[in-house]
Protein backbone atom coordinates (compact mmCIF):
# COMPACT_ATOMS: atom_id res chain seq x y z
CA UNK A 1 -51.39 184.85 20.22
CA UNK A 2 -48.79 182.38 20.33
CA UNK A 3 -44.48 182.54 20.42
CA UNK A 4 -43.05 179.69 20.79
CA UNK A 5 -39.18 179.72 22.43
CA UNK A 6 -36.87 177.03 21.73
CA UNK A 7 -34.14 176.70 24.60
CA UNK A 8 -32.01 173.75 25.54
CA UNK A 9 -34.62 172.82 27.82
CA UNK A 10 -37.11 172.40 25.00
CA UNK A 11 -39.78 174.11 23.39
CA UNK A 12 -42.57 176.29 25.37
CA UNK A 13 -45.20 177.65 23.54
CA UNK A 14 -45.80 181.31 25.61
CA UNK A 15 -49.68 182.65 25.00
CA UNK A 16 -49.28 187.10 25.02
CA UNK A 17 -50.79 190.06 22.88
CA UNK A 18 -49.56 191.93 20.41
CA UNK A 19 -48.83 194.81 22.78
CA UNK A 20 -47.58 192.71 25.38
CA UNK A 21 -43.66 193.71 26.43
CA UNK A 22 -41.05 191.08 25.48
CA UNK A 23 -39.78 191.16 29.04
CA UNK A 24 -43.25 189.81 30.12
CA UNK A 25 -43.19 187.35 27.77
CA UNK A 26 -39.43 186.10 28.99
CA UNK A 27 -41.74 186.31 32.44
CA UNK A 28 -43.67 184.02 31.62
CA UNK A 29 -40.91 181.96 30.03
CA UNK A 30 -38.46 181.66 33.26
CA UNK A 31 -40.29 179.00 35.28
CA UNK A 32 -39.96 176.39 32.62
CA UNK A 33 -36.27 176.62 32.03
CA UNK A 34 -33.05 174.87 34.31
CA UNK A 35 -33.29 176.87 37.10
CA UNK A 36 -29.78 177.35 37.09
CA UNK A 37 -30.49 179.27 34.05
CA UNK A 38 -28.16 182.67 34.12
CA UNK A 39 -30.17 185.63 33.03
CA UNK A 40 -27.41 187.40 32.65
CA UNK A 41 -26.39 185.31 29.47
CA UNK A 42 -29.46 185.65 27.86
CA UNK A 43 -29.16 186.20 24.16
CA UNK A 44 -32.39 185.58 21.33
CA UNK A 45 -32.43 185.49 18.14
CA UNK A 46 -35.07 183.90 15.04
CA UNK A 47 -32.37 181.87 13.52
CA UNK A 48 -31.08 178.79 15.22
CA UNK A 49 -27.09 178.62 16.16
CA UNK A 50 -26.64 182.70 16.21
CA UNK A 51 -24.85 184.17 18.91
CA UNK A 52 -27.96 186.49 19.06
CA UNK A 53 -28.99 189.89 21.12
CA UNK A 54 -28.96 190.38 24.49
CA UNK A 55 -31.78 190.21 26.25
CA UNK A 56 -31.43 193.66 27.88
CA UNK A 57 -31.92 195.61 24.37
CA UNK A 58 -35.59 193.85 23.86
CA UNK A 59 -37.19 193.96 27.22
CA UNK A 60 -39.06 197.04 26.70
CA UNK A 61 -40.55 196.66 23.18
CA UNK A 62 -43.35 195.09 22.49
CA UNK A 63 -44.29 191.90 20.28
CA UNK A 64 -45.35 193.94 17.58
CA UNK A 65 -42.65 196.38 17.38
CA UNK A 66 -40.46 193.21 16.97
CA UNK A 67 -42.27 192.06 14.09
CA UNK A 68 -43.00 188.52 15.83
CA UNK A 69 -46.31 186.74 14.91
CA UNK A 70 -48.73 184.03 16.07
CA UNK A 71 -46.60 181.20 16.02
CA UNK A 72 -43.01 182.27 15.35
CA UNK A 73 -40.24 180.77 16.81
CA UNK A 74 -37.75 183.04 18.99
CA UNK A 75 -34.36 181.07 20.05
CA UNK A 76 -32.75 181.62 23.22
CA UNK A 77 -29.61 180.74 24.60
CA UNK A 78 -28.12 180.80 27.83
CA UNK A 79 -25.36 179.98 30.24
CA UNK A 80 -25.71 177.77 33.53
CA UNK A 81 -24.57 179.88 36.83
CA UNK A 82 -21.87 178.46 38.89
CA UNK A 83 -22.48 177.46 42.43
CA UNK A 84 -22.34 180.96 44.23
CA UNK A 85 -22.65 183.49 41.84
CA UNK A 86 -25.00 185.72 42.19
CA UNK A 87 -25.85 188.97 40.60
CA UNK A 88 -24.03 192.84 41.64
CA UNK A 89 -26.67 193.06 43.95
CA UNK A 90 -25.83 189.82 46.16
CA UNK A 91 -28.87 188.12 45.65
CA UNK A 92 -29.82 184.78 43.26
CA UNK A 93 -30.72 186.21 39.20
CA UNK A 94 -33.91 184.59 39.10
CA UNK A 95 -35.63 186.26 42.33
CA UNK A 96 -33.69 189.41 41.18
CA UNK A 97 -35.37 188.83 37.93
CA UNK A 98 -38.72 188.47 38.89
CA UNK A 99 -38.74 191.14 41.94
CA UNK A 100 -38.46 193.73 38.77
CA UNK A 101 -35.02 194.01 37.56
CA UNK A 102 -32.04 192.45 36.99
CA UNK A 103 -28.61 193.31 36.24
CA UNK A 104 -27.53 192.38 32.25
CA UNK A 105 -24.04 193.28 30.69
CA UNK A 106 -22.91 195.56 34.29
CA UNK A 107 -26.34 197.61 33.83
CA UNK A 108 -29.60 197.14 35.79
CA UNK A 109 -32.88 196.67 33.78
CA UNK A 110 -36.15 197.14 34.57
CA UNK A 111 -38.72 194.46 34.01
CA UNK A 112 -42.56 195.48 33.44
CA UNK A 113 -44.54 194.40 36.46
CA UNK A 114 -47.53 192.58 36.18
CA UNK A 115 -50.59 192.42 38.43
CA UNK A 116 -49.93 188.60 39.96
CA UNK A 117 -52.97 186.42 37.75
CA UNK A 118 -53.75 182.93 38.53
CA UNK A 119 -52.73 180.47 36.03
CA UNK A 120 -55.95 179.69 34.07
CA UNK A 121 -56.71 176.14 34.16
CA UNK A 122 -58.91 173.61 32.80
CA UNK A 123 -62.19 172.90 33.75
CA UNK A 124 -62.66 169.88 35.97
CA UNK A 125 -64.85 168.02 33.73
CA UNK A 126 -62.02 168.03 30.95
CA UNK A 127 -59.28 166.87 33.13
CA UNK A 128 -61.98 164.05 33.77
CA UNK A 129 -62.95 162.83 30.79
CA UNK A 130 -58.82 163.19 29.38
CA UNK A 131 -58.53 160.69 31.93
CA UNK A 132 -61.47 158.06 30.27
CA UNK A 133 -60.45 156.14 26.86
CA UNK A 134 -64.11 156.54 26.07
CA UNK A 135 -64.26 153.02 24.37
CA UNK A 136 -67.76 151.82 23.38
CA UNK A 137 -68.24 148.05 25.01
CA UNK A 138 -70.32 145.48 22.43
CA UNK A 139 -71.97 141.97 23.48
CA UNK A 140 -70.35 139.04 22.02
CA UNK A 141 -71.98 137.89 18.50
CA UNK A 142 -72.87 135.32 16.49
CA UNK A 143 -69.75 135.69 14.52
CA UNK A 144 -67.52 135.46 17.05
CA UNK A 145 -65.13 132.21 17.09
CA UNK A 146 -63.23 132.46 20.71
CA UNK A 147 -63.90 131.42 23.92
CA UNK A 148 -65.75 133.69 26.85
CA UNK A 149 -62.51 135.26 27.37
CA UNK A 150 -61.54 136.19 24.38
CA UNK A 151 -61.74 139.31 22.12
CA UNK A 152 -61.87 139.81 18.39
CA UNK A 153 -62.81 143.06 15.59
CA UNK A 154 -66.69 141.86 15.61
CA UNK A 155 -66.81 142.26 19.87
CA UNK A 156 -63.87 144.64 21.01
CA UNK A 157 -64.63 148.28 22.14
CA UNK A 158 -65.67 150.98 19.22
CA UNK A 159 -63.54 153.93 19.52
CA UNK A 160 -65.97 156.99 21.03
CA UNK A 161 -66.12 158.52 17.37
CA UNK A 162 -66.87 155.31 15.93
CA UNK A 163 -69.47 156.96 12.58
CA UNK A 164 -71.84 153.63 12.80
CA UNK A 165 -72.50 153.95 16.53
CA UNK A 166 -73.44 157.43 16.18
CA UNK A 167 -75.69 157.32 13.40
CA UNK A 168 -77.44 154.28 14.84
CA UNK A 169 -77.95 155.93 18.38
CA UNK A 170 -78.88 158.85 16.02
CA UNK A 171 -76.23 161.16 17.61
CA UNK A 172 -75.42 164.19 15.24
CA UNK A 173 -72.30 165.25 16.42
CA UNK A 174 -69.46 163.54 18.36
CA UNK A 175 -68.49 164.93 21.38
CA UNK A 176 -65.53 167.28 21.94
CA UNK A 177 -63.40 164.75 23.71
CA UNK A 178 -63.97 162.26 21.32
CA UNK A 179 -63.18 164.71 18.14
CA UNK A 180 -59.81 165.36 20.44
CA UNK A 181 -58.98 161.95 21.06
CA UNK A 182 -59.30 161.07 17.25
CA UNK A 183 -57.29 163.92 16.07
CA UNK A 184 -54.33 163.44 18.50
CA UNK A 185 -54.46 159.94 18.04
CA UNK A 186 -53.91 161.23 14.42
CA UNK A 187 -51.36 163.78 14.70
CA UNK A 188 -49.30 162.30 17.41
CA UNK A 189 -48.28 158.96 16.62
CA UNK A 190 -46.67 157.15 18.99
CA UNK A 191 -43.62 156.30 17.57
CA UNK A 192 -39.79 156.92 19.53
CA UNK A 193 -38.51 160.00 18.60
CA UNK A 194 -41.00 162.07 17.07
CA UNK A 195 -41.92 165.44 19.02
CA UNK A 196 -45.56 166.32 20.21
CA UNK A 197 -47.78 168.45 18.30
CA UNK A 198 -51.14 169.98 19.68
CA UNK A 199 -53.56 168.67 17.34
CA UNK A 200 -56.24 171.59 18.03
CA UNK A 201 -55.84 175.28 16.58
CA UNK A 202 -58.28 177.90 16.39
CA UNK A 203 -58.89 179.29 13.23
CA UNK A 204 -57.95 182.81 12.53
CA UNK A 205 -59.43 184.24 9.46
CA UNK A 206 -57.72 187.99 9.74
CA UNK A 207 -55.05 189.19 7.58
CA UNK A 208 -51.81 189.58 9.04
CA UNK A 209 -51.32 193.47 9.25
CA UNK A 210 -47.66 193.08 10.74
CA UNK A 211 -46.37 190.63 8.18
CA UNK A 212 -42.59 190.35 8.26
CA UNK A 213 -41.90 189.53 4.80
CA UNK A 214 -40.64 192.82 3.72
CA UNK A 215 -43.52 194.83 2.13
CA UNK A 216 -46.07 197.18 3.67
CA UNK A 217 -48.88 196.30 5.71
CA UNK A 218 -52.03 195.57 4.58
CA UNK A 219 -54.05 197.88 2.90
CA UNK A 220 -50.94 199.07 0.65
CA UNK A 221 -48.93 195.07 0.84
CA UNK A 222 -50.31 191.78 0.84
CA UNK A 223 -48.14 188.51 0.21
CA UNK A 224 -49.45 184.85 0.48
CA UNK A 225 -47.59 184.68 3.93
CA UNK A 226 -50.35 187.22 5.38
CA UNK A 227 -53.58 186.82 3.38
CA UNK A 228 -55.72 184.51 4.71
CA UNK A 229 -56.28 180.80 2.46
CA UNK A 230 -59.58 180.61 0.66
CA UNK A 231 -62.29 179.30 3.10
CA UNK A 232 -64.58 176.59 2.82
CA UNK A 233 -67.45 176.20 5.09
CA UNK A 234 -68.58 172.33 6.07
CA UNK A 235 -70.98 171.39 9.25
CA UNK A 236 -68.59 170.79 11.83
CA UNK A 237 -68.55 166.98 12.79
CA UNK A 238 -68.14 167.67 16.71
CA UNK A 239 -69.72 170.10 19.65
CA UNK A 240 -67.94 171.31 23.02
CA UNK A 241 -71.12 170.49 25.25
CA UNK A 242 -73.77 167.85 24.09
CA UNK A 243 -76.45 168.46 26.38
CA UNK A 244 -78.31 171.17 27.97
CA UNK A 245 -80.28 170.22 31.73
CA UNK A 246 -82.51 172.38 33.03
CA UNK A 247 -82.57 171.53 36.57
CA UNK A 248 -86.46 172.39 37.22
CA UNK A 249 -89.07 173.09 35.14
CA UNK A 250 -90.18 175.29 37.38
CA UNK A 251 -87.18 177.93 35.74
CA UNK A 252 -88.23 177.88 32.59
CA UNK A 253 -91.22 178.34 33.58
CA UNK A 254 -90.94 181.35 35.32
CA UNK A 255 -88.56 182.58 32.35
CA UNK A 256 -91.16 182.22 30.55
CA UNK A 257 -93.76 184.43 32.38
CA UNK A 258 -92.47 187.38 31.64
CA UNK A 259 -93.97 187.26 27.81
CA UNK A 260 -97.32 185.54 29.47
CA UNK A 261 -97.84 188.89 31.56
CA UNK A 262 -96.53 191.28 28.68
CA UNK A 263 -96.47 190.05 25.46
CA UNK A 264 -93.03 191.09 25.31
CA UNK A 265 -89.52 189.23 24.16
CA UNK A 266 -86.98 188.40 26.96
CA UNK A 267 -83.39 187.47 26.95
CA UNK A 268 -81.31 186.17 30.15
CA UNK A 269 -78.11 184.69 30.88
CA UNK A 270 -78.02 181.26 32.43
CA UNK A 271 -75.70 180.04 35.30
CA UNK A 272 -74.79 176.64 36.36
CA UNK A 273 -71.88 174.02 35.75
CA UNK A 274 -70.23 171.10 33.48
CA UNK A 275 -70.61 167.86 34.30
CA UNK A 276 -70.39 164.41 32.14
CA UNK A 277 -73.39 163.62 29.69
CA UNK A 278 -73.26 159.39 29.81
CA UNK A 279 -76.03 159.49 26.77
CA UNK A 280 -73.12 159.71 24.30
CA UNK A 281 -69.19 158.94 24.78
CA UNK A 282 -66.93 161.34 26.61
CA UNK A 283 -70.09 163.56 26.66
CA UNK A 284 -70.80 167.10 28.48
CA UNK A 285 -74.24 168.65 29.60
CA UNK A 286 -74.70 172.10 30.40
CA UNK A 287 -76.45 172.08 33.88
CA UNK A 288 -78.69 175.26 34.15
CA UNK A 289 -78.95 176.34 37.78
CA UNK A 290 -80.39 180.00 37.68
CA UNK A 291 -81.34 182.41 35.13
CA UNK A 292 -80.56 186.17 35.50
CA UNK A 293 -82.43 188.90 32.90
CA UNK A 294 -80.28 192.02 32.71
CA UNK A 295 -81.61 195.28 32.12
CA UNK A 296 -83.60 195.71 28.82
CA UNK A 297 -86.31 196.96 26.68
CA UNK A 298 -88.58 194.35 25.68
CA UNK A 299 -90.68 194.58 22.41
CA UNK A 300 -93.26 192.41 20.62
CA UNK A 301 -90.41 191.40 17.99
CA UNK A 302 -87.26 191.83 19.43
CA UNK A 303 -85.60 193.52 22.62
CA UNK A 304 -82.76 196.16 23.38
CA UNK A 305 -80.20 196.16 25.66
CA UNK A 306 -77.48 198.43 26.83
CA UNK A 307 -74.15 196.82 26.42
CA UNK A 308 -72.18 198.93 28.78
CA UNK A 309 -74.65 198.51 31.41
CA UNK A 310 -75.41 194.89 30.63
CA UNK A 311 -71.33 194.03 30.93
CA UNK A 312 -71.02 196.22 34.35
CA UNK A 313 -74.32 194.75 35.97
CA UNK A 314 -73.08 191.09 34.83
CA UNK A 315 -69.56 191.22 36.08
CA UNK A 316 -70.61 192.03 39.27
CA UNK A 317 -73.47 189.27 38.99
CA UNK A 318 -70.71 186.66 37.95
CA UNK A 319 -68.60 187.55 41.13
CA UNK A 320 -71.21 186.55 43.28
CA UNK A 321 -72.67 183.48 41.39
CA UNK A 322 -68.99 182.13 41.74
CA UNK A 323 -69.49 182.05 45.32
CA UNK A 324 -72.22 179.80 44.58
CA UNK A 325 -70.15 177.42 42.98
CA UNK A 326 -71.94 178.77 39.23
CA UNK A 327 -70.90 180.64 36.49
CA UNK A 328 -71.76 181.92 33.29
CA UNK A 329 -73.00 179.01 31.04
CA UNK A 330 -74.99 180.51 28.32
CA UNK A 331 -77.75 183.10 26.89
CA UNK A 332 -81.86 182.25 26.13
CA UNK A 333 -84.27 184.60 24.90
CA UNK A 334 -87.75 184.17 23.78
CA UNK A 335 -89.52 184.17 20.36
CA UNK A 336 -92.99 183.95 21.06
CA UNK A 337 -96.36 184.99 19.53
CA UNK A 338 -100.00 183.88 20.33
CA UNK A 339 -101.57 181.65 18.11
CA UNK A 340 -104.80 183.27 18.71
CA UNK A 341 -106.66 179.80 19.31
CA UNK A 342 -107.37 180.79 22.90
CA UNK A 343 -105.58 177.35 24.26
CA UNK A 344 -102.18 178.68 24.50
CA UNK A 345 -100.81 177.67 21.61
CA UNK A 346 -98.25 179.53 19.67
CA UNK A 347 -96.84 179.96 16.00
CA UNK A 348 -94.39 177.78 14.60
CA UNK A 349 -91.67 180.54 13.52
CA UNK A 350 -88.34 178.28 13.17
CA UNK A 351 -88.22 175.48 11.36
CA UNK A 352 -86.36 173.25 8.45
CA UNK A 353 -88.11 175.71 5.44
CA UNK A 354 -87.52 179.12 7.51
CA UNK A 355 -84.60 179.04 9.83
CA UNK A 356 -83.56 177.88 13.42
CA UNK A 357 -81.05 180.67 14.20
CA UNK A 358 -81.32 183.73 12.49
CA UNK A 359 -78.12 185.11 10.95
CA UNK A 360 -77.94 188.16 13.46
CA UNK A 361 -78.69 185.51 16.34
CA UNK A 362 -75.40 183.32 15.01
CA UNK A 363 -73.53 186.15 14.78
CA UNK A 364 -74.87 187.30 18.60
CA UNK A 365 -73.71 183.63 19.55
CA UNK A 366 -70.48 183.74 18.07
CA UNK A 367 -69.41 186.77 20.05
CA UNK A 368 -70.74 185.66 23.11
CA UNK A 369 -69.02 182.22 22.68
CA UNK A 370 -65.47 184.74 21.88
CA UNK A 371 -66.11 186.06 25.30
CA UNK A 372 -66.38 182.89 26.99
CA UNK A 373 -63.45 180.67 25.64
CA UNK A 374 -63.03 177.06 26.53
CA UNK A 375 -58.92 176.80 27.62
CA UNK A 376 -57.58 173.31 26.37
CA UNK A 377 -53.65 172.65 26.71
CA UNK A 378 -54.04 170.41 23.20
CA UNK A 379 -54.65 173.67 21.24
CA UNK A 380 -51.64 175.68 20.75
CA UNK A 381 -53.75 179.05 21.67
CA UNK A 382 -53.91 177.94 25.07
CA UNK A 383 -57.86 178.07 24.00
CA UNK A 384 -60.24 176.41 21.52
CA UNK A 385 -63.70 177.29 20.87
CA UNK A 386 -65.97 177.60 23.57
CA UNK A 387 -68.93 175.56 25.75
CA UNK A 388 -70.93 178.57 26.01
CA UNK A 389 -74.36 178.00 24.77
CA UNK A 390 -77.32 179.47 23.73
CA UNK A 391 -81.35 178.73 24.01
CA UNK A 392 -84.63 179.70 21.99
CA UNK A 393 -87.83 179.44 23.63
CA UNK A 394 -90.02 179.03 20.41
CA UNK A 395 -93.07 177.55 18.94
CA UNK A 396 -92.81 173.75 17.93
CA UNK A 397 -94.19 172.67 14.76
CA UNK A 398 -97.27 171.26 17.61
CA UNK A 399 -97.71 174.80 18.46
CA UNK A 400 -96.37 174.07 21.82
CA UNK A 401 -93.66 175.95 23.60
CA UNK A 402 -90.69 174.51 23.41
CA UNK A 403 -86.71 174.78 23.97
CA UNK A 404 -84.19 174.69 21.29
CA UNK A 405 -80.43 174.75 22.17
CA UNK A 406 -77.39 175.47 19.48
CA UNK A 407 -74.37 176.18 19.65
CA UNK A 408 -72.01 177.91 16.23
CA UNK A 409 -69.07 176.65 14.81
CA UNK A 410 -65.18 177.43 15.24
CA UNK A 411 -65.76 178.97 11.46
CA UNK A 412 -68.83 181.16 12.63
CA UNK A 413 -66.44 182.27 15.52
CA UNK A 414 -63.54 183.06 13.23
CA UNK A 415 -65.70 184.92 10.49
CA UNK A 416 -67.04 187.22 13.33
CA UNK A 417 -63.81 187.74 15.05
CA UNK A 418 -62.63 188.72 11.28
CA UNK A 419 -65.92 190.55 10.90
CA UNK A 420 -66.61 188.95 7.52
CA UNK A 421 -70.02 188.44 7.69
CA UNK A 422 -72.91 190.40 8.91
CA UNK A 423 -76.96 189.80 9.14
CA UNK A 424 -78.92 190.12 6.13
CA UNK A 425 -82.92 190.59 5.54
CA UNK A 426 -83.32 186.74 5.20
CA UNK A 427 -82.82 185.67 8.26
CA UNK A 428 -81.43 181.75 7.23
CA UNK A 429 -78.60 183.69 5.06
CA UNK A 430 -75.44 185.38 6.01
CA UNK A 431 -74.56 188.29 4.42
CA UNK A 432 -70.17 188.24 3.07
CA UNK A 433 -68.74 192.03 3.73
CA UNK A 434 -66.70 193.12 1.24
CA UNK A 435 -62.71 193.95 1.40
CA UNK A 436 -61.59 197.22 3.12
CA UNK A 437 -58.58 198.47 4.61
CA UNK A 438 -59.19 196.77 7.73
CA UNK A 439 -60.25 193.88 6.28
CA UNK A 440 -59.41 191.50 4.10
CA UNK A 441 -62.25 189.16 2.75
CA UNK A 442 -61.05 185.99 0.52
CA UNK A 443 -63.20 183.58 -1.14
CA UNK A 444 -65.29 181.56 0.73
CA UNK A 445 -67.26 178.34 -0.59
CA UNK A 446 -69.47 175.67 1.39
CA UNK A 447 -70.20 172.22 0.84
CA UNK A 448 -73.59 171.49 -0.12
CA UNK A 449 -75.32 167.98 -1.86
CA UNK A 450 -77.11 168.78 -4.96
CA UNK A 451 -80.15 167.05 -6.58
CA UNK A 452 -77.85 164.44 -7.74
CA UNK A 453 -76.83 163.34 -3.89
CA UNK A 454 -73.24 164.24 -4.62
CA UNK A 455 -71.52 166.81 -3.10
CA UNK A 456 -70.51 169.81 -4.31
CA UNK A 457 -68.60 173.27 -3.70
CA UNK A 458 -70.43 176.27 -3.97
CA UNK A 459 -69.33 180.02 -3.73
CA UNK A 460 -70.94 181.66 -0.70
CA UNK A 461 -70.89 185.49 -2.11
CA UNK A 462 -73.00 187.34 -1.88
CA UNK A 463 -74.66 185.02 0.90
CA UNK A 464 -74.86 181.78 2.20
CA UNK A 465 -76.73 179.61 4.41
CA UNK A 466 -76.12 180.29 8.37
CA UNK A 467 -76.95 176.18 8.56
CA UNK A 468 -73.34 175.51 7.91
CA UNK A 469 -72.34 177.45 11.14
CA UNK A 470 -74.95 175.76 13.51
CA UNK A 471 -74.38 173.14 15.75
CA UNK A 472 -77.25 171.91 17.46
CA UNK A 473 -77.51 170.28 21.08
CA UNK A 474 -80.43 168.19 22.98
CA UNK A 475 -81.90 169.47 25.88
CA UNK A 476 -83.76 168.23 28.71
CA UNK A 477 -84.81 168.06 32.81
CA UNK A 478 -84.00 165.40 35.32
CA UNK A 479 -86.30 162.58 36.54
CA UNK A 480 -86.99 164.23 39.91
CA UNK A 481 -86.58 168.28 39.56
CA UNK A 482 -87.91 168.41 43.13
CA UNK A 483 -84.36 167.17 44.77
CA UNK A 484 -82.22 168.30 41.81
CA UNK A 485 -79.53 171.38 42.02
CA UNK A 486 -78.26 173.71 44.14
CA UNK A 487 -81.69 175.82 44.60
CA UNK A 488 -84.94 174.82 45.99
CA UNK A 489 -86.69 177.90 45.34
CA UNK A 490 -87.07 179.25 42.30
CA UNK A 491 -90.63 181.23 42.20
CA UNK A 492 -91.56 183.40 45.50
CA UNK A 493 -89.09 186.23 45.42
CA UNK A 494 -89.40 188.65 41.93
CA UNK A 495 -86.60 188.54 39.87
CA UNK A 496 -84.47 191.08 39.17
CA UNK A 497 -84.77 193.72 36.48
CA UNK A 498 -88.81 192.96 36.07
CA UNK A 499 -90.25 196.51 36.59
CA UNK A 500 -91.93 195.70 33.38
CA UNK A 501 -93.98 193.17 34.91
CA UNK A 502 -95.17 195.33 37.75
CA UNK A 503 -92.67 193.38 40.10
CA UNK A 504 -89.98 195.08 41.88
CA UNK A 505 -87.04 194.14 44.39
CA UNK A 506 -87.56 195.59 47.97
CA UNK A 507 -88.05 195.57 51.86
CA UNK A 508 -91.99 195.11 51.12
CA UNK A 509 -91.07 192.21 49.17
CA UNK A 510 -88.12 190.54 50.92
CA UNK A 511 -90.95 190.91 54.19
CA UNK A 512 -93.55 189.12 52.35
CA UNK A 513 -91.02 186.29 51.47
CA UNK A 514 -89.07 185.67 54.79
CA UNK A 515 -90.13 187.72 57.55
CA UNK A 516 -92.97 185.01 58.90
CA UNK A 517 -90.56 181.92 58.59
CA UNK A 518 -87.37 184.12 60.28
CA UNK A 519 -89.38 185.12 63.33
CA UNK A 520 -91.26 181.91 63.64
CA UNK A 521 -87.53 180.03 63.88
CA UNK A 522 -89.42 177.27 61.15
CA UNK A 523 -86.24 176.29 60.13
CA UNK A 524 -87.84 174.24 57.74
CA UNK A 525 -89.48 176.68 55.33
CA UNK A 526 -86.84 179.43 56.11
CA UNK A 527 -84.13 176.67 54.80
CA UNK A 528 -85.84 176.52 51.38
CA UNK A 529 -86.51 180.33 51.27
CA UNK A 530 -83.39 181.23 51.33
CA UNK A 531 -82.07 178.61 48.83
CA UNK A 532 -82.75 180.78 46.03
CA UNK A 533 -80.86 182.39 43.40
CA UNK A 534 -82.49 186.03 43.08
CA UNK A 535 -83.20 186.11 46.97
CA UNK A 536 -79.29 185.49 48.16
CA UNK A 537 -78.19 188.00 45.22
CA UNK A 538 -80.72 191.01 46.13
CA UNK A 539 -79.58 190.41 49.87
CA UNK A 540 -75.80 191.18 49.18
CA UNK A 541 -77.19 194.27 47.49
CA UNK A 542 -78.46 195.73 50.99
CA UNK A 543 -75.03 195.39 52.31
CA UNK A 544 -76.51 194.07 55.85
CA UNK A 545 -74.52 191.29 56.41
CA UNK A 546 -70.78 191.46 56.33
CA UNK A 547 -68.72 189.27 54.07
CA UNK A 548 -68.68 186.16 56.03
CA UNK A 549 -72.14 185.96 57.07
CA UNK A 550 -72.62 186.64 52.86
CA UNK A 551 -70.62 183.61 52.77
CA UNK A 552 -72.86 181.43 55.96
CA UNK A 553 -75.92 182.35 53.65
CA UNK A 554 -74.58 181.00 50.56
CA UNK A 555 -73.31 177.49 52.37
CA UNK A 556 -76.53 177.79 54.57
CA UNK A 557 -78.85 177.99 51.62
CA UNK A 558 -76.68 174.53 49.92
CA UNK A 559 -76.89 172.55 52.85
CA UNK A 560 -78.98 169.29 52.29
CA UNK A 561 -80.99 169.73 55.83
CA UNK A 562 -82.46 172.85 57.70
CA UNK A 563 -80.97 171.54 61.14
CA UNK A 564 -76.88 171.56 59.49
CA UNK A 565 -74.80 173.72 61.31
CA UNK A 566 -74.09 176.88 59.04
CA UNK A 567 -78.28 177.24 59.18
CA UNK A 568 -78.15 177.56 62.69
CA UNK A 569 -74.86 179.71 63.01
CA UNK A 570 -76.26 182.57 60.58
CA UNK A 571 -79.65 182.96 62.78
CA UNK A 572 -77.52 184.03 65.23
CA UNK A 573 -75.35 186.52 63.74
CA UNK A 574 -75.54 190.14 63.77
CA UNK A 575 -76.18 190.73 60.39
CA UNK A 576 -79.20 188.59 60.22
CA UNK A 577 -81.02 190.12 63.21
CA UNK A 578 -80.20 193.71 62.15
CA UNK A 579 -81.96 192.63 58.51
CA UNK A 580 -85.20 190.70 60.92
CA UNK A 581 -85.25 193.97 62.76
CA UNK A 582 -85.37 196.07 59.62
CA UNK A 583 -87.93 193.97 57.98
CA UNK A 584 -90.12 194.35 61.37
CA UNK A 585 -90.03 197.60 61.50
CA UNK A 586 -90.68 198.39 57.60
CA UNK A 587 -94.36 199.04 56.29
């Protein structure tokens, strides 16, 4: 949630949780105030112009207890310190406050201590695209009547959200930054004296159980202020990510190999980064560098994951991937059935007359997107939607194995977060849950075109098509995938958690993979072998290399050539020589 603080220094928006202490919010507010602010004089109130309550009376009460809810404004008044004035301990008031206590109204008040955390920043790709205007250039046409250096309505650049351009180029959704610029232009018009308004706001369909309107909380009371409004679902016009690029085709082939070997479905997480995508104005693409399969029980028509075990293991994989410059950017799973023709063809299950993502898969995608929020300074809440993607490997209409890439809309995220929808027996339909003591479900509608081509509003209950929650992405591979990406080698060393395929990661597999090139000093082969995501993860689990040696291994694995300094340093370290010795002695 977001609480707004109005001070003489302006309005500050402070993100928090309902259980956060008010002292925690003040700790976040202080850096935004005048350095001369005298903390001993702080008073707060919910109305402007009043003397207010001393901060000392509120520091140890939480946000919920104070009746604050998302978007509320707290008015803060204070006096400025005079030169040479310090607190009773002889310290500067600001320093005393941040160190854990502050002298207010003659008594020392404890401030809740917090673990120091780095401020979450926007991704570099967002900072890069924010600086660009994204204008779409146009050539001079026969309608132009001006000179070579002139410009008119027929040849002036188009805004990045231009509808005709997107329709002409068959681009179904505008990019997130095009949408943001369009929204910001309409929200914050360049007029002198006008205040800034955050153009984005994350939808929230939950009922407010801490309403301050004087009635009992839901389910015993309700008012127009705390109940969610009626919801109308439409196809989302923008997408957070426009394209998914798999750095090597062998990455997908190796993932599908599990199904080819066992006939069972497979689920995995994708690791990579985000870069600029030039095929759409201000576009973003997810670069997939590696795929990791968590522990799972595979079946022909699905699979089962141990959620807690998966979460613990993936947290560790996330940390290691970060050292390689990678983050978790999506999920991928198979839905394949052999057509029985003996030619490798598969059934086409997902198409316009069946479904693209089932209702259960949409709910899964929404939950993952909520766990991986997109940081945005243009949002009231400091976050907006997600760049987390969902890919399905299934059969296309030609019976070929193909990839489809999706995200779900911000409305889908809000519906799932409020537990308003659940899966149904018809995979293309999402069932609307009933109102209970824990949730309030308002009227839900969706817009559709009738048989006459007119857009009409339909009541969504008891179920509605999940297509209204889907956002489709494109996908592809680099033109030359042999030289692209962080890792030169995808195959050769077994992937983790593939016991069902008869594969395991052990010393024997490691020796088979790396020993000969290591003892022969064949730096060319060795350089390729260590540049393997799963090899790097496995070596880390052995705990033979020190942290510095592990970091050197990662640097050597990502170096351009085999004769760069990191690889030469690596093979001379004590940890690497110990690893080679262990492999030599293993039978």
